[in-house]
C-alpha atoms as a PDB file:
ATOM      1  CA  MET A   1       1.635   5.259  15.890  1.00  0.00           C
ATOM      2  CA  LYS A   2      -0.312   7.085  13.223  1.00  0.00           C
ATOM      3  CA  GLN A   3      -2.093  10.331  13.976  1.00  0.00           C
ATOM      4  CA  ASN A   4      -5.856  10.727  13.708  1.00  0.00           C
ATOM      5  CA  GLN A   5      -6.481   9.545  10.182  1.00  0.00           C
ATOM      6  CA  ASN A   6      -8.859  12.275   9.031  1.00  0.00           C
ATOM      7  CA  SER A   7      -6.747  15.180  10.313  1.00  0.00           C
ATOM      8  CA  GLU A   8      -3.476  13.782   8.942  1.00  0.00           C
ATOM      9  CA  ILE A   9      -1.875  16.414   6.657  1.00  0.00           C
ATOM     10  CA  LEU A  10      -0.533  15.084   3.357  1.00  0.00           C
ATOM     11  CA  GLU A  11       1.083  16.654   0.324  1.00  0.00           C
ATOM     12  CA  ILE A  12      -0.855  17.281  -2.858  1.00  0.00           C
ATOM     13  CA  VAL A  13       1.297  16.410  -5.881  1.00  0.00           C
ATOM     14  CA  ASP A  14       1.103  16.603  -9.656  1.00  0.00           C
ATOM     15  CA  ILE A  15       1.356  13.488 -11.843  1.00  0.00           C
ATOM     16  CA  TYR A  16       5.158  13.729 -11.650  1.00  0.00           C
ATOM     17  CA  GLY A  17       5.202  13.705  -7.843  1.00  0.00           C
ATOM     18  CA  ARG A  18       6.080  17.392  -7.477  1.00  0.00           C
ATOM     19  CA  VAL A  19       4.520  18.918  -4.366  1.00  0.00           C
ATOM     20  CA  ILE A  20       1.946  21.610  -5.160  1.00  0.00           C
ATOM     21  CA  GLY A  21       0.170  21.934  -1.812  1.00  0.00           C
ATOM     22  CA  ARG A  22      -1.090  20.238   1.344  1.00  0.00           C
ATOM     23  CA  ALA A  23      -4.471  19.058   2.576  1.00  0.00           C
ATOM     24  CA  GLU A  24      -6.045  16.887   5.231  1.00  0.00           C
ATOM     25  CA  ARG A  25      -6.390  13.203   4.464  1.00  0.00           C
ATOM     26  CA  ALA A  26     -10.186  13.481   4.605  1.00  0.00           C
ATOM     27  CA  VAL A  27     -10.133  16.103   1.850  1.00  0.00           C
ATOM     28  CA  LEU A  28      -7.781  14.052  -0.346  1.00  0.00           C
ATOM     29  CA  HIS A  29      -9.909  10.934   0.122  1.00  0.00           C
ATOM     30  CA  ALA A  30     -12.988  12.790  -1.079  1.00  0.00           C
ATOM     31  CA  ASP A  31     -11.638  14.545  -4.185  1.00  0.00           C
ATOM     32  CA  PRO A  32     -10.055  12.507  -7.009  1.00  0.00           C
ATOM     33  CA  SER A  33      -8.801  15.714  -8.656  1.00  0.00           C
ATOM     34  CA  LEU A  34      -6.214  15.992  -5.848  1.00  0.00           C
ATOM     35  CA  ILE A  35      -3.330  13.511  -6.065  1.00  0.00           C
ATOM     36  CA  HIS A  36      -1.419  12.350  -2.993  1.00  0.00           C
ATOM     37  CA  ARG A  37       1.564   9.994  -2.702  1.00  0.00           C
ATOM     38  CA  VAL A  38       1.560   6.498  -1.222  1.00  0.00           C
ATOM     39  CA  VAL A  39       3.953   3.558  -1.007  1.00  0.00           C
ATOM     40  CA  HIS A  40       3.231  -0.123  -1.515  1.00  0.00           C
ATOM     41  CA  VAL A  41       5.645  -2.875  -0.548  1.00  0.00           C
ATOM     42  CA  LEU A  42       5.250  -6.360  -2.005  1.00  0.00           C
ATOM     43  CA  VAL A  43       6.800  -8.787   0.490  1.00  0.00           C
ATOM     44  CA  PHE A  44       7.760 -12.164  -0.975  1.00  0.00           C
ATOM     45  CA  ASP A  45       9.201 -15.270   0.640  1.00  0.00           C
ATOM     46  CA  SER A  46      11.943 -17.378  -0.955  1.00  0.00           C
ATOM     47  CA  ASN A  47       9.296 -19.611  -2.596  1.00  0.00           C
ATOM     48  CA  GLY A  48       7.793 -16.661  -4.482  1.00  0.00           C
ATOM     49  CA  ARG A  49       4.691 -16.424  -2.310  1.00  0.00           C
ATOM     50  CA  LEU A  50       3.359 -12.929  -1.682  1.00  0.00           C
ATOM     51  CA  LEU A  51       2.391 -11.824   1.813  1.00  0.00           C
ATOM     52  CA  LEU A  52      -1.003 -10.108   1.854  1.00  0.00           C
ATOM     53  CA  GLN A  53      -2.737  -8.381   4.716  1.00  0.00           C
ATOM     54  CA  LYS A  54      -6.438  -8.594   5.489  1.00  0.00           C
ATOM     55  CA  ARG A  55      -7.526  -5.063   6.302  1.00  0.00           C
ATOM     56  CA  SER A  56      -9.270  -4.442   9.603  1.00  0.00           C
ATOM     57  CA  LEU A  57     -13.044  -4.111   9.472  1.00  0.00           C
ATOM     58  CA  ASN A  58     -12.496  -0.710  11.137  1.00  0.00           C
ATOM     59  CA  LYS A  59     -10.668   0.732   8.100  1.00  0.00           C
ATOM     60  CA  ASP A  60     -12.551   3.360   6.058  1.00  0.00           C
ATOM     61  CA  VAL A  61     -11.106   2.092   2.752  1.00  0.00           C
ATOM     62  CA  ALA A  62     -11.633  -1.579   1.758  1.00  0.00           C
ATOM     63  CA  PRO A  63     -12.457  -2.968   5.208  1.00  0.00           C
ATOM     64  CA  GLY A  64     -12.085  -6.746   5.446  1.00  0.00           C
ATOM     65  CA  LYS A  65     -10.414  -7.049   2.033  1.00  0.00           C
ATOM     66  CA  TRP A  66      -7.058  -8.673   1.299  1.00  0.00           C
ATOM     67  CA  ASP A  67      -4.546  -6.035   0.274  1.00  0.00           C
ATOM     68  CA  THR A  68      -0.915  -5.299  -0.607  1.00  0.00           C
ATOM     69  CA  SER A  69       1.654  -6.530   1.938  1.00  0.00           C
ATOM     70  CA  VAL A  70       2.271  -2.968   3.123  1.00  0.00           C
ATOM     71  CA  GLY A  71       0.758   0.313   2.058  1.00  0.00           C
ATOM     72  CA  GLY A  72       0.600   3.806   3.412  1.00  0.00           C
ATOM     73  CA  HIS A  73       0.800   7.520   2.848  1.00  0.00           C
ATOM     74  CA  ILE A  74       4.055   9.363   2.344  1.00  0.00           C
ATOM     75  CA  ASN A  75       4.399  12.022   5.016  1.00  0.00           C
ATOM     76  CA  PRO A  76       5.214  15.644   4.128  1.00  0.00           C
ATOM     77  CA  GLY A  77       8.934  15.961   3.406  1.00  0.00           C
ATOM     78  CA  GLU A  78       9.455  12.184   3.410  1.00  0.00           C
ATOM     79  CA  ASP A  79      10.909  10.336   0.426  1.00  0.00           C
ATOM     80  CA  PRO A  80       9.332   7.100  -0.875  1.00  0.00           C
ATOM     81  CA  PRO A  81      12.075   4.692   0.366  1.00  0.00           C
ATOM     82  CA  ALA A  82      11.884   6.144   3.875  1.00  0.00           C
ATOM     83  CA  ALA A  83       8.075   5.904   3.819  1.00  0.00           C
ATOM     84  CA  ALA A  84       8.262   2.276   2.657  1.00  0.00           C
ATOM     85  CA  ALA A  85      10.655   1.390   5.504  1.00  0.00           C
ATOM     86  CA  ARG A  86       8.484   3.242   8.055  1.00  0.00           C
ATOM     87  CA  GLU A  87       5.298   1.536   6.870  1.00  0.00           C
ATOM     88  CA  MET A  88       7.000  -1.901   6.967  1.00  0.00           C
ATOM     89  CA  GLU A  89       7.813  -1.333  10.613  1.00  0.00           C
ATOM     90  CA  GLU A  90       4.427   0.193  11.518  1.00  0.00           C
ATOM     91  CA  GLU A  91       2.324  -2.459   9.783  1.00  0.00           C
ATOM     92  CA  LEU A  92       4.379  -5.678   9.986  1.00  0.00           C
ATOM     93  CA  GLY A  93       6.956  -4.965  12.696  1.00  0.00           C
ATOM     94  CA  VAL A  94       9.732  -5.568  10.157  1.00  0.00           C
ATOM     95  CA  SER A  95      12.840  -3.419   9.877  1.00  0.00           C
ATOM     96  CA  GLY A  96      15.988  -3.701   7.820  1.00  0.00           C
ATOM     97  CA  CYS A  97      14.415  -5.463   4.841  1.00  0.00           C
ATOM     98  CA  SER A  98      16.341  -4.525   1.700  1.00  0.00           C
ATOM     99  CA  MET A  99      13.828  -2.998  -0.694  1.00  0.00           C
ATOM    100  CA  GLU A 100      13.954  -2.692  -4.446  1.00  0.00           C
ATOM    101  CA  PHE A 101      12.029   0.107  -6.164  1.00  0.00           C
ATOM    102  CA  LEU A 102       9.873  -1.353  -8.970  1.00  0.00           C
ATOM    103  CA  TYR A 103       7.660   1.335 -10.538  1.00  0.00           C
ATOM    104  CA  THR A 104       5.279   4.241 -10.055  1.00  0.00           C
ATOM    105  CA  TYR A 105       1.700   4.516 -11.319  1.00  0.00           C
ATOM    106  CA  LEU A 106      -1.406   6.613 -10.840  1.00  0.00           C
ATOM    107  CA  PHE A 107      -4.362   4.929  -9.120  1.00  0.00           C
ATOM    108  CA  SER A 108      -7.641   6.799  -9.369  1.00  0.00           C
ATOM    109  CA  ASN A 109     -11.261   6.030  -8.593  1.00  0.00           C
ATOM    110  CA  HIS A 110     -14.434   7.959  -7.729  1.00  0.00           C
ATOM    111  CA  ARG A 111     -13.025   8.745  -4.292  1.00  0.00           C
ATOM    112  CA  GLU A 112      -9.315   9.531  -4.580  1.00  0.00           C
ATOM    113  CA  SER A 113      -6.184   9.680  -6.718  1.00  0.00           C
ATOM    114  CA  GLU A 114      -2.866   8.286  -5.533  1.00  0.00           C
ATOM    115  CA  LEU A 115       0.595   8.373  -7.038  1.00  0.00           C
ATOM    116  CA  VAL A 116       1.831   4.928  -5.958  1.00  0.00           C
ATOM    117  CA  TYR A 117       5.518   4.078  -5.483  1.00  0.00           C
ATOM    118  CA  THR A 118       5.877   0.289  -5.424  1.00  0.00           C
ATOM    119  CA  PHE A 119       8.756  -1.566  -3.797  1.00  0.00           C
ATOM    120  CA  ARG A 120       9.569  -5.266  -3.420  1.00  0.00           C
ATOM    121  CA  CYS A 121      11.462  -7.117  -0.729  1.00  0.00           C
ATOM    122  CA  PHE A 122      12.139 -10.725   0.212  1.00  0.00           C
ATOM    123  CA  TYR A 123      11.618 -11.606   3.861  1.00  0.00           C
ATOM    124  CA  GLU A 124      11.490 -14.854   5.844  1.00  0.00           C
ATOM    125  CA  GLY A 125      11.450 -13.606   9.444  1.00  0.00           C
ATOM    126  CA  LYS A 126       8.880 -12.972  12.123  1.00  0.00           C
ATOM    127  CA  ILE A 127       5.819 -10.869  11.308  1.00  0.00           C
ATOM    128  CA  ASP A 128       4.334  -8.917  14.211  1.00  0.00           C
ATOM    129  CA  PHE A 129       1.501  -7.144  12.412  1.00  0.00           C
ATOM    130  CA  ASN A 130      -0.378  -4.102  13.706  1.00  0.00           C
ATOM    131  CA  GLN A 131      -3.629  -5.587  15.013  1.00  0.00           C
ATOM    132  CA  GLU A 132      -5.378  -2.200  14.995  1.00  0.00           C
ATOM    133  CA  GLU A 133      -5.037  -1.976  11.198  1.00  0.00           C
ATOM    134  CA  ILE A 134      -4.726  -5.612  10.107  1.00  0.00           C
ATOM    135  CA  ASP A 135      -6.922  -8.620  10.941  1.00  0.00           C
ATOM    136  CA  ALA A 136      -4.633 -11.291   9.437  1.00  0.00           C
ATOM    137  CA  VAL A 137      -1.657 -11.891   7.157  1.00  0.00           C
ATOM    138  CA  ARG A 138      -1.177 -14.812   4.795  1.00  0.00           C
ATOM    139  CA  LEU A 139       1.240 -15.968   2.099  1.00  0.00           C
ATOM    140  CA  TRP A 140      -0.392 -16.489  -1.320  1.00  0.00           C
ATOM    141  CA  THR A 141       0.995 -18.036  -4.473  1.00  0.00           C
ATOM    142  CA  LEU A 142       0.633 -15.875  -7.559  1.00  0.00           C
ATOM    143  CA  ALA A 143      -1.621 -18.616  -9.007  1.00  0.00           C
ATOM    144  CA  GLU A 144      -3.934 -18.392  -5.955  1.00  0.00           C
ATOM    145  CA  ILE A 145      -4.074 -14.632  -6.370  1.00  0.00           C
ATOM    146  CA  GLN A 146      -4.845 -14.852 -10.085  1.00  0.00           C
ATOM    147  CA  ASP A 147      -7.621 -17.405  -9.414  1.00  0.00           C
ATOM    148  CA  SER A 148      -9.178 -15.039  -6.859  1.00  0.00           C
ATOM    149  CA  LEU A 149      -9.116 -11.788  -8.880  1.00  0.00           C
ATOM    150  CA  GLU A 150     -12.442 -10.049  -9.545  1.00  0.00           C
ATOM    151  CA  LYS A 151     -14.207 -12.075  -6.826  1.00  0.00           C
ATOM    152  CA  GLU A 152     -14.515  -9.225  -4.284  1.00  0.00           C
ATOM    153  CA  ILE A 153     -11.793 -10.787  -2.095  1.00  0.00           C
ATOM    154  CA  PHE A 154      -9.136  -8.142  -2.728  1.00  0.00           C
ATOM    155  CA  SER A 155      -9.172  -4.368  -2.451  1.00  0.00           C
ATOM    156  CA  ASN A 156      -9.444  -2.460  -5.727  1.00  0.00           C
ATOM    157  CA  HIS A 157      -6.038  -0.972  -4.933  1.00  0.00           C
ATOM    158  CA  PHE A 158      -4.471  -4.436  -4.740  1.00  0.00           C
ATOM    159  CA  GLU A 159      -6.175  -5.654  -7.908  1.00  0.00           C
ATOM    160  CA  GLN A 160      -4.570  -2.731  -9.775  1.00  0.00           C
ATOM    161  CA  GLU A 161      -1.225  -3.298  -8.055  1.00  0.00           C
ATOM    162  CA  ILE A 162      -1.020  -7.006  -8.868  1.00  0.00           C
ATOM    163  CA  SER A 163      -2.129  -6.348 -12.453  1.00  0.00           C
ATOM    164  CA  ASN A 164       0.772  -3.902 -12.846  1.00  0.00           C
ATOM    165  CA  TYR A 165       3.205  -6.313 -11.232  1.00  0.00           C
ATOM    166  CA  LEU A 166       2.176  -9.304 -13.359  1.00  0.00           C
ATOM    167  CA  LYS A 167       2.468  -7.312 -16.595  1.00  0.00           C
ATOM    168  CA  ILE A 168       6.126  -6.693 -15.804  1.00  0.00           C
ATOM    169  CA  PHE A 169       7.282  -9.780 -13.904  1.00  0.00           C
ATOM    170  CA  GLU A 170       5.256 -12.677 -15.250  1.00  0.00           C
END
């Protein structure tokens, strides 16, 4: 289980992902000049549908919005593939899914800056999602997602993520 969110210690990195310091999550989420690392995992089924999670209304970032299949911070000393596997298990109850690294990009807004490492996996099994963090999960076709962009349904993070993905894979 995750530690208290605001006191969680994360690494500060430069735009290349090199560690240059550490700070509490609350500090990083209030200062876009400080970059921290996160992972996203795009979970597809064999029909090409993308699993999205509806964030809990209790989340401090994008409550109630549909978001990337899996997303989370990279812990100090952890590498991105290990973080992706850990987050898959924590959020969806899925382990052993073979993941493919896709790309890295910088996400920044008025609140924070994240160096995002995006992975993709294909999974057909049981989903036992973390009900403290996630209100629902659903498979979406890419056409359904594209029709719903810029309608306040998705998190800003996911809108950037899917834009990056579609530029490469569509």
